[in-house]
Amino acid sequence: MSDNHLGDFLRARRAAVRPGDVGMAHHGLRRVAGLRREEVAVLAGVNADYYTRLEQGRERRPSAQVVEALGRALLLDAAAVAHLHRLAGSVPGRPNPSAGGRVSPALRTLIDGYCDTPALVTGPALGILAANALVKALYSPFERVDNLAEMVFLDPASRRFHTRWDRTAEAVVGHLREAEGLDPGSLRLRALVDGLSERSTDFARLWDTHTVRGKTRAAKHFLHPDVGDLHLTYHAFDVRGAPGQQLILYHAAPGSPSFEALRLLGSIHAQPTVATTRSDE
């Protein structure tokens, strides 16, 4: 895993932009994928040698103005520009996600109260720090319910359970890229990425795209062996006072077949336990 996070990100995003995407004419064969360094420099209004130093890691602290210009040149969306700022160190007072490994008793009580809604708390490396009983029922096809990234890429049940596995995989990798920008020195995240890269060619390929994506809200379609199709919507909320932690809720429309399937799933797997917790991420 390279320590030149800024340069690696710029190089990968440059390769993803074609000259035609930014209104540049091109003729014949090109020796590089995407834009040339000189072309990015022109689009961003910076010196070509300076941009080369950024990619090579010889310069690692561009100004906020340069970061914004590079974001426009590389057609980055808001999440990717924010990630680029973090890599460049141009976001003041960024929190340290590694501090958020313990789930508060109040939050554990809250997620236990969602009887018809799977609710869990994740850390920055997508470790499951706490989960209510319905989450354990939902993920019962998996051998281990401890890290969402490892479950998606390493568990044999994943590709059948996630009916849109490709989208799920891309979202997971994008979230880990965002987490890397928030805490580039995280040993836990580095170990997770290294392990997944060695064991999953799909993860390694997606990681090299440097796509950044935060968890917010999206539709999910699961196929559970006990109750069949589950069409859910997930919502992710940052946990105040615990940087890096997110509360994730899976919601089914009341009265829908998926709502009834969740209730049935809960009754099938009902047992007198409270939310499981982990002391660290």
Protein backbone atom coordinates (compact mmCIF):
# COMPACT_ATOMS: atom_id res chain seq x y z
CA MET A 1 0.00 0.00 0.00
CA SER A 2 1.65 3.22 -1.19
CA ASP A 3 2.18 6.15 1.18
CA ASN A 4 1.85 8.63 -1.72
CA HIS A 5 -1.93 8.89 -1.29
CA LEU A 6 -2.26 12.27 -3.00
CA GLY A 7 -0.18 11.29 -6.04
CA ASP A 8 -1.87 7.93 -6.43
CA PHE A 9 -5.29 9.57 -6.34
CA LEU A 10 -4.38 12.22 -8.91
CA ARG A 11 -2.82 9.67 -11.25
CA ALA A 12 -5.84 7.36 -11.09
CA ARG A 13 -8.37 10.13 -11.64
CA ARG A 14 -6.31 11.58 -14.51
CA ALA A 15 -6.42 8.19 -16.22
CA ALA A 16 -10.22 8.16 -15.93
CA VAL A 17 -10.75 11.41 -17.87
CA ARG A 18 -10.67 11.33 -21.66
CA PRO A 19 -9.62 14.39 -23.66
CA GLY A 20 -13.09 14.61 -25.18
CA ASP A 21 -14.62 14.82 -21.70
CA VAL A 22 -12.94 18.20 -21.16
CA GLY A 23 -13.29 19.51 -24.70
CA MET A 24 -9.78 18.68 -25.85
CA ALA A 25 -9.25 17.44 -29.39
CA HIS A 26 -6.97 14.45 -29.86
CA HIS A 27 -5.70 12.54 -32.84
CA GLY A 28 -4.04 9.15 -33.27
CA LEU A 29 -2.85 6.77 -30.57
CA ARG A 30 -2.03 8.00 -27.07
CA ARG A 31 0.61 6.39 -24.89
CA VAL A 32 -1.29 7.06 -21.67
CA ALA A 33 -4.82 6.33 -20.51
CA GLY A 34 -6.84 9.47 -20.03
CA LEU A 35 -5.22 12.88 -19.86
CA ARG A 36 -1.53 13.67 -19.95
CA ARG A 37 0.03 15.45 -16.99
CA GLU A 38 0.61 18.53 -19.12
CA GLU A 39 -3.06 18.61 -20.08
CA VAL A 40 -4.19 18.48 -16.45
CA ALA A 41 -1.77 21.29 -15.61
CA VAL A 42 -3.18 23.47 -18.40
CA LEU A 43 -6.77 22.79 -17.34
CA ALA A 44 -5.96 23.56 -13.69
CA GLY A 45 -3.82 26.60 -14.49
CA VAL A 46 -0.71 25.29 -12.73
CA ASN A 47 2.87 24.70 -13.82
CA ALA A 48 3.36 21.29 -15.45
CA ASP A 49 6.49 20.58 -13.42
CA TYR A 50 4.62 21.42 -10.22
CA TYR A 51 1.82 19.04 -11.13
CA THR A 52 4.36 16.31 -11.91
CA ARG A 53 5.87 16.77 -8.45
CA LEU A 54 2.41 16.36 -6.93
CA GLU A 55 1.88 13.02 -8.64
CA GLN A 56 5.38 11.81 -7.78
CA GLY A 57 5.02 12.73 -4.11
CA ARG A 58 7.81 15.33 -4.18
CA GLU A 59 5.22 18.00 -3.37
CA ARG A 60 2.37 17.05 -1.02
CA ARG A 61 0.80 20.26 0.24
CA PRO A 62 -0.95 22.15 -2.58
CA SER A 63 -3.03 25.14 -1.55
CA ALA A 64 -6.80 24.92 -1.24
CA GLN A 65 -7.09 26.96 -4.43
CA VAL A 66 -4.93 24.49 -6.35
CA VAL A 67 -6.95 21.58 -4.97
CA GLU A 68 -10.17 23.19 -6.21
CA ALA A 69 -8.62 23.82 -9.62
CA LEU A 70 -7.47 20.21 -9.89
CA GLY A 71 -10.94 19.04 -8.89
CA ARG A 72 -12.45 21.02 -11.76
CA ALA A 73 -9.80 19.83 -14.22
CA LEU A 74 -10.37 16.17 -13.30
CA LEU A 75 -14.19 16.49 -13.26
CA LEU A 76 -14.40 15.39 -9.63
CA ASP A 77 -17.70 15.44 -7.78
CA ALA A 78 -18.11 17.06 -4.36
CA ALA A 79 -17.18 13.92 -2.40
CA ALA A 80 -14.01 13.39 -4.44
CA VAL A 81 -12.97 17.05 -4.10
CA ALA A 82 -13.44 16.83 -0.33
CA HIS A 83 -11.31 13.68 -0.35
CA LEU A 84 -8.63 15.49 -2.37
CA HIS A 85 -8.61 18.33 0.16
CA ARG A 86 -8.08 15.84 2.97
CA LEU A 87 -5.22 14.14 1.13
CA ALA A 88 -3.61 17.53 0.55
CA GLY A 89 -4.04 18.57 4.18
CA SER A 90 -6.06 21.62 3.17
CA VAL A 91 -9.07 20.91 5.39
CA PRO A 92 -8.46 22.52 8.81
CA GLY A 93 -9.32 20.74 12.00
CA ARG A 94 -10.24 17.38 10.52
CA PRO A 95 -11.26 14.82 13.17
CA ASN A 96 -9.40 11.61 13.81
CA PRO A 97 -11.76 8.71 13.03
CA SER A 98 -9.61 6.21 14.91
CA ALA A 99 -10.90 7.74 18.15
CA GLY A 100 -14.43 6.42 17.53
CA GLY A 101 -14.07 2.73 18.41
CA ARG A 102 -16.45 2.50 21.38
CA VAL A 103 -20.21 2.65 21.02
CA SER A 104 -21.98 4.60 23.76
CA PRO A 105 -24.52 2.76 25.96
CA ALA A 106 -27.20 5.24 24.84
CA LEU A 107 -26.62 4.39 21.18
CA ARG A 108 -26.68 0.65 21.91
CA THR A 109 -30.02 1.10 23.67
CA LEU A 110 -31.33 3.10 20.71
CA ILE A 111 -30.54 0.45 18.09
CA ASP A 112 -32.02 -2.29 20.32
CA GLY A 113 -35.26 -0.31 20.25
CA TYR A 114 -35.66 -0.76 16.48
CA CYS A 115 -37.63 -4.01 16.55
CA ASP A 116 -38.67 -3.98 12.87
CA THR A 117 -35.60 -2.19 11.49
CA PRO A 118 -32.08 -3.60 11.11
CA ALA A 119 -29.79 -1.10 12.83
CA LEU A 120 -26.01 -1.19 13.23
CA VAL A 121 -23.06 1.04 14.00
CA THR A 122 -19.92 0.86 11.86
CA GLY A 123 -16.44 2.26 12.26
CA PRO A 124 -14.31 3.96 9.58
CA ALA A 125 -12.99 0.63 8.26
CA LEU A 126 -16.56 -0.73 8.05
CA GLY A 127 -16.17 -2.92 11.11
CA ILE A 128 -19.52 -3.65 12.77
CA LEU A 129 -19.20 -2.15 16.25
CA ALA A 130 -22.77 -2.82 17.38
CA ALA A 131 -25.83 -4.48 15.83
CA ASN A 132 -29.36 -5.26 16.89
CA ALA A 133 -30.98 -8.67 16.66
CA LEU A 134 -32.55 -8.02 13.25
CA VAL A 135 -29.13 -7.26 11.71
CA LYS A 136 -27.89 -10.64 12.87
CA ALA A 137 -30.99 -12.24 11.34
CA LEU A 138 -30.54 -10.29 8.11
CA TYR A 139 -26.91 -11.33 7.75
CA SER A 140 -27.43 -14.90 8.97
CA PRO A 141 -26.29 -16.39 5.60
CA PHE A 142 -22.78 -15.03 6.27
CA GLU A 143 -20.19 -17.00 8.17
CA ARG A 144 -19.09 -13.96 10.16
CA VAL A 145 -20.87 -10.66 10.77
CA ASP A 146 -17.98 -8.42 11.75
CA ASN A 147 -16.83 -6.27 8.82
CA LEU A 148 -19.00 -5.20 5.89
CA ALA A 149 -16.09 -5.01 3.43
CA GLU A 150 -14.79 -8.49 4.23
CA MET A 151 -18.34 -9.86 4.09
CA VAL A 152 -18.89 -8.41 0.60
CA PHE A 153 -15.58 -9.51 -0.93
CA LEU A 154 -14.62 -12.67 0.94
CA ASP A 155 -17.78 -14.50 2.02
CA PRO A 156 -19.20 -16.97 -0.56
CA ALA A 157 -22.75 -15.98 0.41
CA SER A 158 -22.22 -12.38 -0.68
CA ARG A 159 -22.86 -12.60 -4.42
CA ARG A 160 -26.21 -14.33 -3.99
CA PHE A 161 -27.29 -12.21 -1.03
CA HIS A 162 -26.42 -8.89 -2.74
CA THR A 163 -28.42 -9.07 -5.95
CA ARG A 164 -26.60 -5.95 -7.21
CA TRP A 165 -23.21 -7.12 -6.05
CA ASP A 166 -21.20 -4.95 -8.45
CA ARG A 167 -22.81 -1.77 -7.15
CA THR A 168 -22.40 -2.88 -3.56
CA ALA A 169 -18.72 -3.66 -4.12
CA GLU A 170 -18.09 -0.25 -5.71
CA ALA A 171 -19.86 1.52 -2.85
CA VAL A 172 -17.83 -0.36 -0.22
CA VAL A 173 -14.52 0.47 -1.88
CA GLY A 174 -15.55 4.10 -2.34
CA HIS A 175 -16.34 4.36 1.37
CA LEU A 176 -12.96 2.91 2.32
CA ARG A 177 -11.24 5.43 0.03
CA GLU A 178 -13.08 8.22 1.82
CA ALA A 179 -12.01 6.77 5.18
CA GLU A 180 -8.39 6.68 3.98
CA GLY A 181 -8.55 10.39 3.23
CA LEU A 182 -9.93 11.11 6.69
CA ASP A 183 -7.22 9.11 8.45
CA PRO A 184 -4.31 8.27 6.08
CA GLY A 185 -2.23 6.83 8.92
CA SER A 186 -4.80 4.28 10.11
CA LEU A 187 -3.02 0.97 10.65
CA ARG A 188 -6.34 -0.86 10.90
CA LEU A 189 -7.50 0.45 7.53
CA ARG A 190 -4.13 -0.29 5.94
CA ALA A 191 -4.26 -3.88 7.19
CA LEU A 192 -7.82 -4.30 5.90
CA VAL A 193 -6.97 -2.95 2.44
CA ASP A 194 -3.79 -5.03 2.18
CA GLY A 195 -5.64 -8.18 3.21
CA LEU A 196 -8.53 -7.62 0.80
CA SER A 197 -6.15 -6.77 -2.04
CA GLU A 198 -4.29 -10.04 -1.55
CA ARG A 199 -7.42 -12.19 -1.29
CA SER A 200 -9.77 -10.54 -3.80
CA THR A 201 -8.82 -9.51 -7.33
CA ASP A 202 -12.13 -7.63 -7.58
CA PHE A 203 -11.25 -5.52 -4.57
CA ALA A 204 -7.73 -4.81 -5.87
CA ARG A 205 -9.13 -3.69 -9.24
CA LEU A 206 -11.73 -1.38 -7.68
CA TRP A 207 -9.25 0.02 -5.15
CA ASP A 208 -6.97 1.11 -7.97
CA THR A 209 -9.73 3.30 -9.44
CA HIS A 210 -9.48 5.66 -6.44
CA THR A 211 -13.24 6.23 -6.50
CA VAL A 212 -14.53 8.04 -3.40
CA ARG A 213 -18.04 7.59 -2.09
CA GLY A 214 -19.64 8.36 1.25
CA LYS A 215 -22.54 6.48 2.80
CA THR A 216 -25.73 8.51 2.78
CA ARG A 217 -28.93 6.94 1.41
CA ALA A 218 -29.58 4.34 -1.29
CA ALA A 219 -31.82 1.45 -2.28
CA LYS A 220 -30.76 -2.09 -1.41
CA HIS A 221 -32.02 -5.39 -2.79
CA PHE A 222 -31.15 -8.50 -0.81
CA LEU A 223 -32.09 -12.12 -1.44
CA HIS A 224 -32.38 -13.92 1.89
CA PRO A 225 -32.65 -17.74 1.96
CA ASP A 226 -35.33 -17.62 4.70
CA VAL A 227 -37.70 -14.92 3.41
CA GLY A 228 -36.73 -14.22 -0.21
CA ASP A 229 -36.55 -10.74 -1.73
CA LEU A 230 -35.96 -7.74 0.52
CA HIS A 231 -36.25 -4.28 -1.06
CA LEU A 232 -34.89 -1.85 1.51
CA THR A 233 -33.54 1.67 1.77
CA TYR A 234 -30.53 2.38 3.94
CA HIS A 235 -29.83 5.65 5.71
CA ALA A 236 -26.42 6.44 7.22
CA PHE A 237 -25.93 9.04 9.95
CA ASP A 238 -22.67 10.33 11.45
CA VAL A 239 -22.53 9.75 15.20
CA ARG A 240 -21.88 13.03 16.98
CA GLY A 241 -19.00 12.81 19.42
CA ALA A 242 -17.58 9.67 17.80
CA PRO A 243 -15.70 10.63 14.60
CA GLY A 244 -15.73 7.81 12.06
CA GLN A 245 -18.77 6.04 13.49
CA GLN A 246 -21.97 5.79 11.47
CA LEU A 247 -25.43 4.62 12.45
CA ILE A 248 -26.95 2.65 9.56
CA LEU A 249 -30.64 1.81 9.32
CA TYR A 250 -32.27 -0.48 6.76
CA HIS A 251 -35.87 0.58 6.19
CA ALA A 252 -38.80 -1.12 4.46
CA ALA A 253 -41.96 0.75 3.53
CA PRO A 254 -44.69 -0.03 6.11
CA GLY A 255 -47.14 -2.62 4.81
CA SER A 256 -44.89 -3.63 1.93
CA PRO A 257 -43.92 -7.27 1.27
CA SER A 258 -40.40 -6.43 2.43
CA PHE A 259 -41.72 -4.99 5.69
CA GLU A 260 -43.63 -8.18 6.37
CA ALA A 261 -40.59 -10.25 5.35
CA LEU A 262 -38.43 -8.40 7.87
CA ARG A 263 -40.94 -9.09 10.64
CA LEU A 264 -41.01 -12.76 9.65
CA LEU A 265 -37.23 -12.85 9.59
CA GLY A 266 -37.11 -11.40 13.09
CA SER A 267 -39.51 -14.01 14.41
CA ILE A 268 -37.59 -16.87 12.76
CA HIS A 269 -34.34 -15.79 14.38
CA ALA A 270 -35.82 -14.46 17.63
CA GLN A 271 -33.70 -15.07 20.70
CA PRO A 272 -33.47 -13.30 24.08
CA THR A 273 -30.32 -11.26 23.39
CA VAL A 274 -29.41 -7.61 23.21
CA ALA A 275 -27.25 -5.85 20.66
CA THR A 276 -23.81 -7.32 20.16
CA THR A 277 -20.94 -4.90 20.63
CA ARG A 278 -17.23 -4.70 20.02
CA SER A 279 -14.84 -2.63 22.06
CA ASP A 280 -12.79 -1.45 19.10
CA GLU A 281 -12.93 -1.03 15.33
